[in-house]
Protein backbone atom coordinates (compact mmCIF):
# COMPACT_ATOMS: atom_id res chain seq x y z
CA MET A 1 -125.46 39.21 131.77
CA LYS A 2 -124.04 42.40 130.28
CA TYR A 3 -120.79 42.55 132.26
CA ASP A 4 -118.18 40.23 133.65
CA TYR A 5 -117.72 42.43 136.75
CA LEU A 6 -119.84 44.97 138.58
CA ILE A 7 -117.33 47.02 140.58
CA VAL A 8 -118.88 48.89 143.48
CA GLY A 9 -116.74 51.92 144.30
CA ALA A 10 -114.60 53.97 141.90
CA GLY A 11 -111.79 54.46 144.39
CA LEU A 12 -108.28 53.12 144.07
CA PHE A 13 -109.06 49.44 144.73
CA GLY A 14 -111.98 49.37 142.30
CA ALA A 15 -110.09 51.32 139.64
CA VAL A 16 -107.04 49.02 139.78
CA PHE A 17 -109.27 45.95 139.57
CA ALA A 18 -111.19 47.44 136.64
CA TYR A 19 -107.98 48.31 134.79
CA GLU A 20 -106.50 44.85 135.26
CA ALA A 21 -109.73 43.01 134.39
CA ASN A 22 -110.16 45.18 131.31
CA LYS A 23 -106.59 44.38 130.28
CA ARG A 24 -107.55 40.69 130.42
CA GLY A 25 -110.48 41.23 128.08
CA LYS A 26 -113.18 41.46 130.74
CA LYS A 27 -116.08 43.90 130.58
CA CYS A 28 -116.58 46.01 133.72
CA LEU A 29 -119.25 48.35 135.01
CA VAL A 30 -117.99 50.63 137.80
CA ILE A 31 -120.55 52.41 139.98
CA ASP A 32 -120.11 54.87 142.83
CA LYS A 33 -122.64 56.47 145.16
CA ARG A 34 -120.76 59.77 145.07
CA ASP A 35 -121.11 62.12 142.12
CA HIS A 36 -117.47 61.60 141.11
CA ILE A 37 -114.83 58.92 140.66
CA ALA A 38 -111.59 58.41 142.65
CA GLY A 39 -113.14 57.88 146.09
CA ASN A 40 -111.29 59.56 148.94
CA ILE A 41 -108.33 60.48 146.74
CA TYR A 42 -110.56 62.68 144.57
CA THR A 43 -109.05 66.06 143.72
CA GLU A 44 -111.01 68.97 142.27
CA GLU A 45 -109.71 72.19 140.81
CA ILE A 46 -110.52 75.42 142.70
CA GLU A 47 -108.78 78.69 141.80
CA GLY A 48 -106.34 76.66 139.69
CA ILE A 49 -105.40 74.54 142.74
CA HIS A 50 -105.92 70.77 142.95
CA VAL A 51 -107.84 70.42 146.19
CA HIS A 52 -107.82 67.09 148.06
CA ARG A 53 -111.51 67.09 148.96
CA TYR A 54 -111.25 64.27 151.50
CA GLY A 55 -108.00 65.18 153.23
CA ALA A 56 -104.33 65.06 152.38
CA HIS A 57 -103.18 62.13 150.27
CA ILE A 58 -99.43 61.81 149.77
CA PHE A 59 -98.37 58.77 147.80
CA HIS A 60 -95.40 56.99 149.35
CA THR A 61 -93.97 53.51 149.00
CA SER A 62 -90.75 51.52 149.18
CA ASP A 63 -92.09 49.04 146.63
CA LYS A 64 -90.43 49.81 143.28
CA GLU A 65 -93.02 47.76 141.38
CA ILE A 66 -95.91 49.76 142.85
CA TRP A 67 -94.10 53.05 142.20
CA ASP A 68 -93.57 52.06 138.57
CA TYR A 69 -97.20 50.94 138.37
CA VAL A 70 -98.71 54.28 139.45
CA ASN A 71 -96.30 56.16 137.24
CA LYS A 72 -97.94 54.51 134.23
CA PHE A 73 -101.02 56.64 134.93
CA ALA A 74 -99.53 59.96 136.08
CA GLU A 75 -96.28 61.81 136.47
CA PHE A 76 -95.43 62.42 140.12
CA ASN A 77 -93.71 65.50 141.49
CA ASN A 78 -91.01 65.55 144.18
CA TYR A 79 -93.22 66.63 147.11
CA ILE A 80 -91.84 65.54 150.50
CA ASN A 81 -94.28 65.37 153.39
CA SER A 82 -92.90 67.54 156.21
CA PRO A 83 -95.82 68.41 158.50
CA VAL A 84 -95.65 71.03 161.23
CA ALA A 85 -97.35 70.85 164.64
CA ALA A 86 -98.85 73.95 166.26
CA TYR A 87 -99.25 73.79 170.04
CA LYS A 88 -100.59 77.02 171.56
CA ASP A 89 -98.07 79.65 170.33
CA GLU A 90 -95.30 77.10 169.68
CA THR A 91 -94.41 75.40 166.38
CA TYR A 92 -92.65 72.06 166.02
CA ASN A 93 -91.47 69.85 163.18
CA LEU A 94 -92.86 66.36 162.69
CA PRO A 95 -91.96 63.54 162.93
CA PHE A 96 -90.23 63.92 166.30
CA ASN A 97 -86.68 64.77 165.26
CA MET A 98 -83.76 66.94 166.27
CA ASN A 99 -85.55 70.08 165.03
CA THR A 100 -88.43 69.17 167.38
CA PHE A 101 -86.18 68.50 170.36
CA SER A 102 -84.00 71.54 169.73
CA ARG A 103 -87.08 73.79 169.70
CA MET A 104 -88.58 72.11 172.76
CA TRP A 105 -85.53 72.00 175.03
CA ASN A 106 -83.05 74.44 173.48
CA ILE A 107 -80.53 71.68 172.87
CA ARG A 108 -78.44 70.77 169.83
CA THR A 109 -77.05 67.23 169.98
CA PRO A 110 -78.66 63.77 169.76
CA GLN A 111 -76.98 62.84 173.05
CA GLU A 112 -78.73 65.72 174.85
CA ALA A 113 -82.09 64.77 173.33
CA LYS A 114 -81.76 61.10 174.26
CA ALA A 115 -80.73 61.99 177.80
CA LYS A 116 -83.73 64.32 178.21
CA ILE A 117 -86.20 61.71 176.97
CA ARG A 118 -84.62 58.96 179.08
CA GLU A 119 -84.70 61.16 182.20
CA GLN A 120 -88.42 61.90 181.73
CA ILE A 121 -89.31 58.26 181.07
CA GLU A 122 -87.39 57.00 184.12
CA SER A 123 -89.03 59.56 186.41
CA LEU A 124 -92.51 58.16 185.56
CA HIS A 125 -91.81 54.55 186.70
CA ILE A 126 -94.30 53.04 184.20
CA THR A 127 -93.62 49.32 183.91
CA GLU A 128 -96.83 47.98 182.32
CA PRO A 129 -98.78 50.69 180.44
CA LYS A 130 -102.51 50.32 181.13
CA ASN A 131 -103.73 52.76 178.47
CA LEU A 132 -102.57 54.88 175.55
CA GLU A 133 -101.44 57.73 177.78
CA GLU A 134 -99.13 55.52 179.83
CA GLN A 135 -97.88 53.79 176.68
CA ALA A 136 -96.96 57.11 175.02
CA LEU A 137 -95.35 58.48 178.19
CA SER A 138 -93.25 55.32 178.50
CA LEU A 139 -91.98 55.82 174.94
CA VAL A 140 -91.28 59.57 174.66
CA GLY A 141 -91.66 61.15 178.11
CA THR A 142 -93.83 64.00 179.36
CA ASP A 143 -93.03 67.00 177.16
CA VAL A 144 -93.45 65.36 173.75
CA TYR A 145 -96.58 63.57 174.94
CA GLU A 146 -98.26 66.64 176.47
CA LYS A 147 -97.51 68.98 173.58
CA LEU A 148 -97.61 66.80 170.48
CA ILE A 149 -99.59 63.62 171.19
CA LYS A 150 -102.25 64.02 173.88
CA GLY A 151 -104.57 66.68 172.44
CA TYR A 152 -104.29 65.52 168.84
CA THR A 153 -104.98 61.88 169.74
CA GLU A 154 -107.97 62.77 171.90
CA LYS A 155 -109.48 64.77 169.04
CA GLN A 156 -108.81 61.94 166.60
CA TRP A 157 -110.51 59.32 168.77
CA GLY A 158 -113.05 61.48 170.56
CA ARG A 159 -112.12 60.27 174.05
CA PRO A 160 -109.38 60.79 176.66
CA CYS A 161 -106.08 59.00 176.14
CA THR A 162 -106.59 57.29 179.50
CA GLU A 163 -109.64 55.54 178.00
CA LEU A 164 -107.85 54.36 174.86
CA PRO A 165 -106.06 50.99 174.75
CA ALA A 166 -102.26 51.01 174.91
CA PHE A 167 -101.86 48.93 171.74
CA ILE A 168 -103.00 51.81 169.51
CA ILE A 169 -99.51 53.25 169.92
CA LYS A 170 -97.08 50.38 169.52
CA ARG A 171 -94.14 52.68 168.85
CA LEU A 172 -93.42 56.38 168.55
CA PRO A 173 -90.34 56.80 166.38
CA CYS A 174 -87.90 59.45 167.57
CA ARG A 175 -85.49 60.48 164.85
CA PHE A 176 -82.22 61.84 166.16
CA THR A 177 -81.33 63.67 162.94
CA TYR A 178 -82.37 67.04 161.55
CA ASN A 179 -84.64 65.40 158.96
CA ASN A 180 -88.24 66.57 158.53
CA ASN A 181 -89.28 63.95 155.95
CA TYR A 182 -92.28 62.29 157.60
CA PHE A 183 -92.01 59.04 155.66
CA ASN A 184 -89.09 56.64 155.48
CA ASP A 185 -90.20 55.32 152.10
CA ARG A 186 -87.89 55.48 149.10
CA PHE A 187 -90.53 56.90 146.71
CA GLN A 188 -92.85 59.80 147.45
CA GLY A 189 -94.83 62.46 145.63
CA ILE A 190 -98.14 63.84 144.39
CA PRO A 191 -99.50 63.23 140.87
CA MET A 192 -98.99 66.36 138.82
CA GLY A 193 -102.51 67.44 137.93
CA GLY A 194 -104.09 65.68 140.91
CA TYR A 195 -105.33 62.17 141.63
CA THR A 196 -108.61 62.29 139.70
CA GLN A 197 -106.97 62.12 136.29
CA LEU A 198 -104.85 59.16 137.49
CA VAL A 199 -108.02 57.20 138.32
CA GLU A 200 -109.65 58.34 135.06
CA LYS A 201 -106.86 56.64 133.15
CA MET A 202 -107.31 53.43 135.15
CA LEU A 203 -111.02 53.43 134.32
CA GLU A 204 -110.60 53.90 130.57
CA GLY A 205 -112.27 50.97 128.84
CA SER A 206 -114.80 50.42 131.64
CA ASP A 207 -118.34 51.78 131.82
CA VAL A 208 -118.66 54.17 134.76
CA LYS A 209 -121.79 55.49 136.49
CA THR A 210 -121.63 57.90 139.44
CA GLY A 211 -124.40 58.93 141.82
CA VAL A 212 -125.59 55.31 141.97
CA ASP A 213 -126.49 53.57 145.23
CA TYR A 214 -125.50 49.92 144.95
CA PHE A 215 -128.21 48.62 147.27
CA GLU A 216 -130.92 50.26 145.15
CA PHE A 217 -129.17 49.39 141.90
CA ARG A 218 -128.94 45.66 142.61
CA LYS A 219 -132.71 45.40 143.22
CA GLU A 220 -133.37 46.17 139.56
CA ASN A 221 -130.14 44.77 138.09
CA THR A 222 -129.73 41.37 139.70
CA ASP A 223 -128.18 39.76 136.63
CA ILE A 224 -126.10 42.65 135.31
CA ALA A 225 -122.75 40.98 135.98
CA GLU A 226 -121.30 37.57 136.61
CA LYS A 227 -119.36 38.77 139.66
CA THR A 228 -119.31 41.76 142.00
CA VAL A 229 -116.27 43.53 143.42
CA PHE A 230 -117.53 45.31 146.54
CA THR A 231 -115.45 48.07 148.15
CA GLY A 232 -118.11 49.49 150.46
CA GLN A 233 -118.73 48.58 154.10
CA ILE A 234 -118.75 44.83 154.59
CA ASP A 235 -121.17 45.16 157.54
CA GLN A 236 -123.60 47.20 155.43
CA TYR A 237 -123.43 44.59 152.65
CA TYR A 238 -124.81 42.07 155.14
CA ASP A 239 -127.36 44.59 156.45
CA TYR A 240 -125.49 44.88 159.77
CA CYS A 241 -126.76 41.42 160.70
CA TYR A 242 -124.18 41.08 163.50
CA GLY A 243 -124.34 44.78 164.37
CA PRO A 244 -122.37 47.70 162.91
CA LEU A 245 -118.58 47.86 162.99
CA GLN A 246 -117.11 51.06 164.39
CA TYR A 247 -115.53 53.76 162.26
CA ARG A 248 -114.24 57.28 162.72
CA SER A 249 -115.57 59.96 160.42
CA VAL A 250 -114.02 63.26 159.31
CA ARG A 251 -115.70 66.55 158.44
CA PHE A 252 -113.96 69.10 156.21
CA GLU A 253 -114.42 72.87 156.10
CA THR A 254 -112.85 74.20 152.91
CA GLU A 255 -112.51 77.86 152.00
CA VAL A 256 -110.80 80.07 149.47
CA LEU A 257 -108.66 82.83 150.96
CA ASP A 258 -107.56 86.00 149.21
CA THR A 259 -103.89 85.51 150.01
CA ASP A 260 -101.14 83.67 148.19
CA ASN A 261 -99.84 81.83 151.27
CA TYR A 262 -101.82 81.14 154.45
CA GLN A 263 -99.59 78.91 156.60
CA GLY A 264 -96.42 78.24 154.62
CA ASN A 265 -96.84 74.45 154.67
CA ALA A 266 -99.20 71.89 153.18
CA VAL A 267 -100.01 70.23 156.53
CA VAL A 268 -100.19 71.86 159.96
CA ASN A 269 -101.43 69.69 162.85
CA TYR A 270 -103.11 71.44 165.79
CA THR A 271 -102.16 69.40 168.83
CA ASP A 272 -103.85 71.58 171.46
CA ARG A 273 -107.08 69.94 172.68
CA ASP A 274 -108.80 73.35 172.82
CA VAL A 275 -108.52 73.83 169.05
CA PRO A 276 -111.53 71.92 167.62
CA TYR A 277 -109.94 70.80 164.36
CA THR A 278 -107.05 68.34 164.06
CA ARG A 279 -105.23 69.99 161.18
CA ILE A 280 -105.33 72.52 158.37
CA ILE A 281 -104.35 71.54 154.84
CA GLU A 282 -103.17 74.25 152.42
CA HIS A 283 -103.56 72.45 149.12
CA LYS A 284 -101.41 74.55 146.81
CA HIS A 285 -98.23 73.53 148.64
CA PHE A 286 -98.68 69.91 147.49
CA GLU A 287 -97.80 71.06 143.98
CA PHE A 288 -95.63 74.10 144.80
CA GLY A 289 -98.41 76.41 143.62
CA THR A 290 -97.90 80.11 142.90
CA GLN A 291 -101.57 81.04 142.42
CA PRO A 292 -102.66 84.47 143.74
CA LYS A 293 -105.23 82.86 146.08
CA THR A 294 -105.10 79.82 148.33
CA VAL A 295 -107.49 77.08 149.46
CA ILE A 296 -107.42 75.62 152.96
CA SER A 297 -109.35 72.77 154.60
CA ARG A 298 -109.89 72.32 158.32
CA GLU A 299 -110.38 68.72 159.43
CA TYR A 300 -112.67 67.73 162.29
CA SER A 301 -112.66 64.15 163.56
CA SER A 302 -115.98 62.71 164.76
CA GLU A 303 -117.77 59.57 165.85
CA TRP A 304 -119.41 57.66 163.02
CA SER A 305 -123.03 56.61 162.91
CA GLN A 306 -125.02 54.94 160.15
CA GLY A 307 -125.62 57.32 157.26
CA MET A 308 -122.34 59.17 157.80
CA GLU A 309 -119.24 58.72 155.67
CA PRO A 310 -116.91 56.15 157.29
CA TYR A 311 -113.21 56.99 157.03
CA TYR A 312 -111.16 54.94 159.48
CA PRO A 313 -111.90 51.49 160.85
CA VAL A 314 -111.50 51.26 164.62
CA ASN A 315 -109.28 48.18 164.76
CA ASN A 316 -109.59 47.17 168.39
CA ASP A 317 -110.20 43.64 169.72
CA GLU A 318 -113.98 44.03 169.82
CA ASN A 319 -114.23 45.17 166.20
CA SER A 320 -111.69 42.61 164.98
CA THR A 321 -113.88 39.84 166.46
CA LEU A 322 -117.00 41.32 164.86
CA TYR A 323 -115.27 41.78 161.49
CA GLN A 324 -114.20 38.12 161.51
CA LYS A 325 -117.89 37.13 161.65
CA TYR A 326 -118.57 39.18 158.54
CA LYS A 327 -115.45 37.84 156.85
CA ASP A 328 -116.64 34.29 157.48
CA LEU A 329 -119.80 35.16 155.55
CA ALA A 330 -117.77 36.83 152.80
CA ASP A 331 -115.50 33.78 152.44
CA LYS A 332 -118.55 31.70 151.49
CA GLU A 333 -119.46 34.02 148.61
CA SER A 334 -118.50 32.62 145.23
CA SER A 335 -119.56 35.65 143.19
CA VAL A 336 -118.50 38.58 145.41
CA ILE A 337 -114.98 39.89 146.02
CA PHE A 338 -114.57 42.24 148.98
CA GLY A 339 -111.77 44.79 148.84
CA GLY A 340 -110.40 48.09 150.06
CA ARG A 341 -110.45 49.86 153.38
CA LEU A 342 -114.16 49.32 154.04
CA GLY A 343 -114.59 45.95 152.35
CA GLN A 344 -111.68 44.48 154.32
CA TYR A 345 -112.11 46.69 157.41
CA LYS A 346 -108.47 47.69 157.41
CA TYR A 347 -106.54 50.94 157.38
CA TYR A 348 -104.61 51.00 154.11
CA ASP A 349 -102.05 53.43 152.75
CA MET A 350 -102.53 53.98 149.02
CA ASP A 351 -99.67 51.74 147.94
CA LYS A 352 -101.05 48.91 150.07
CA VAL A 353 -104.50 49.34 148.49
CA ILE A 354 -102.89 48.79 145.09
CA VAL A 355 -100.99 45.74 146.38
CA ALA A 356 -104.23 44.29 147.79
CA ALA A 357 -106.12 44.97 144.54
CA LEU A 358 -103.40 43.30 142.45
CA GLU A 359 -103.44 40.30 144.81
CA SER A 360 -107.21 40.02 144.33
CA VAL A 361 -106.72 40.17 140.57
CA ARG A 362 -104.11 37.42 140.63
CA ALA A 363 -106.32 35.24 142.85
CA GLU A 364 -109.31 35.86 140.60
CA PHE A 365 -107.51 35.01 137.38
CA GLY A 366 -105.42 32.20 138.82
CA GLU A 367 -102.07 33.88 138.19
């Protein structure tokens, strides 16, 4: 055997595991089917702008240890995520806060906003929400739901809100302050120079091969490593023997525009159902860019089918039951570690991916 670990996937989970194993004197080979490292956090330079090829990635955490950990590999700027929602010819701040309510109802005080929301909720008489629409209405009332939730959610999931389960929206935080910071986390920012160079530093000391399909690779390299760390789809690993899990996919349309500022914000959500894309990202604003041109990406949510790129697990009861069957198989594996969003069929923020990877490392090395 040439390696201690074959790590399948050069995204954040695989890169953290490789870095930590390497630090402990282990030899790692990292492969990825894409032609680049860094997985979905990959950034590429276009017109001097670090473009998030697979959608906006803003690092945020309240875990000081994780913040210190990522800062070993990159210096982070002071970007604060403050998205804007466009509904028809109206513009609102997100998350739902006093700027949102003031614009929507021409009011100024938290008391007025609370009264308006309470009045709308009480008029609906929803006691036991039967679907996502009723759940959202019972939390924020008609206006916020109709303008800022309904259309966006239906585009995200590809079906009417009345056909989506209520548990998808457990809570809809209303912030009764004039604060546009989307996250409540203590630490937040974007790596200066993009995410790719952060992952590059994590992978120093490991052998890396891109453009390699694991399922083809293992046919000819059965004994290349003592153990495998697999961050791809757990259902695909087992050849979909219980049937495929469900995912949502995303398609990106990226273009360079001959203007220095297209929309004035990094993230603008389009909450009107009639607009086909869910949001537009203007990448230069993540790093306060002053380049003469700009690069934007439109995001289109879609159903996933085999052969497409899976982005989000669909964590409903049906899929959770199916995933457990695959996990039971995985738990019997002595030489394979499953990790990451696809390997563990779980939606992870970046900081939680790192936490999960470090937990796998500690379990693996008995620490």
